[in-house]
Amino acid sequence: MAGAQKLRVAFQMYWGARRLKAARLRQQHPDWSEEQVQQRVKEIFMYMVT
């Protein structure tokens, strides 16, 4: 796989993971606004450790 393809796949995986996390947060916190959900996703991904 070429470098550009690898980068494209990595971005797709990253944004897919963010969408999944947002969906889970919406399930766990139905009372949260979309802004709260997105803020929490942002925090989670900003401070995640691998």
Protein backbone atom coordinates (compact mmCIF):
# COMPACT_ATOMS: atom_id res chain seq x y z
CA MET A 1 0.00 0.00 0.00
CA ALA A 2 1.38 3.40 -0.97
CA GLY A 3 2.01 6.09 1.62
CA ALA A 4 -0.91 8.21 0.49
CA GLN A 5 -3.26 5.23 0.78
CA LYS A 6 -2.01 4.46 4.29
CA LEU A 7 -2.58 8.04 5.33
CA ARG A 8 -6.10 8.03 3.86
CA VAL A 9 -6.94 4.81 5.73
CA ALA A 10 -5.52 6.20 8.96
CA PHE A 11 -7.68 9.33 8.67
CA GLN A 12 -10.76 7.24 7.91
CA MET A 13 -10.11 5.10 10.98
CA TYR A 14 -9.54 8.13 13.19
CA TRP A 15 -12.73 9.92 12.14
CA GLY A 16 -14.67 6.65 12.27
CA ALA A 17 -13.53 6.12 15.85
CA ARG A 18 -14.64 9.64 16.76
CA ARG A 19 -18.09 9.01 15.25
CA LEU A 20 -18.42 5.75 17.19
CA LYS A 21 -17.38 7.42 20.45
CA ALA A 22 -19.91 10.21 19.87
CA ALA A 23 -22.66 7.66 19.22
CA ARG A 24 -21.82 5.83 22.44
CA LEU A 25 -21.79 9.06 24.44
CA ARG A 26 -25.22 9.94 23.03
CA GLN A 27 -26.51 6.56 24.25
CA GLN A 28 -24.97 7.00 27.68
CA HIS A 29 -26.04 10.63 28.08
CA PRO A 30 -29.29 11.25 26.20
CA ASP A 31 -29.72 14.52 28.07
CA TRP A 32 -26.49 16.01 26.66
CA SER A 33 -26.62 18.51 23.83
CA GLU A 34 -24.71 17.81 20.63
CA GLU A 35 -22.22 20.48 21.69
CA GLN A 36 -21.57 18.63 24.97
CA VAL A 37 -21.11 15.34 23.13
CA GLN A 38 -18.64 16.87 20.66
CA GLN A 39 -16.74 18.63 23.43
CA ARG A 40 -16.35 15.36 25.35
CA VAL A 41 -15.22 13.51 22.20
CA LYS A 42 -12.66 16.24 21.63
CA GLU A 43 -11.37 15.90 25.19
CA ILE A 44 -11.20 12.12 25.01
CA PHE A 45 -9.20 12.13 21.78
CA MET A 46 -6.98 15.00 22.88
CA TYR A 47 -5.81 13.17 25.98
CA MET A 48 -5.90 9.55 24.81
CA VAL A 49 -2.82 7.44 25.30
CA THR A 50 -1.81 4.44 23.24
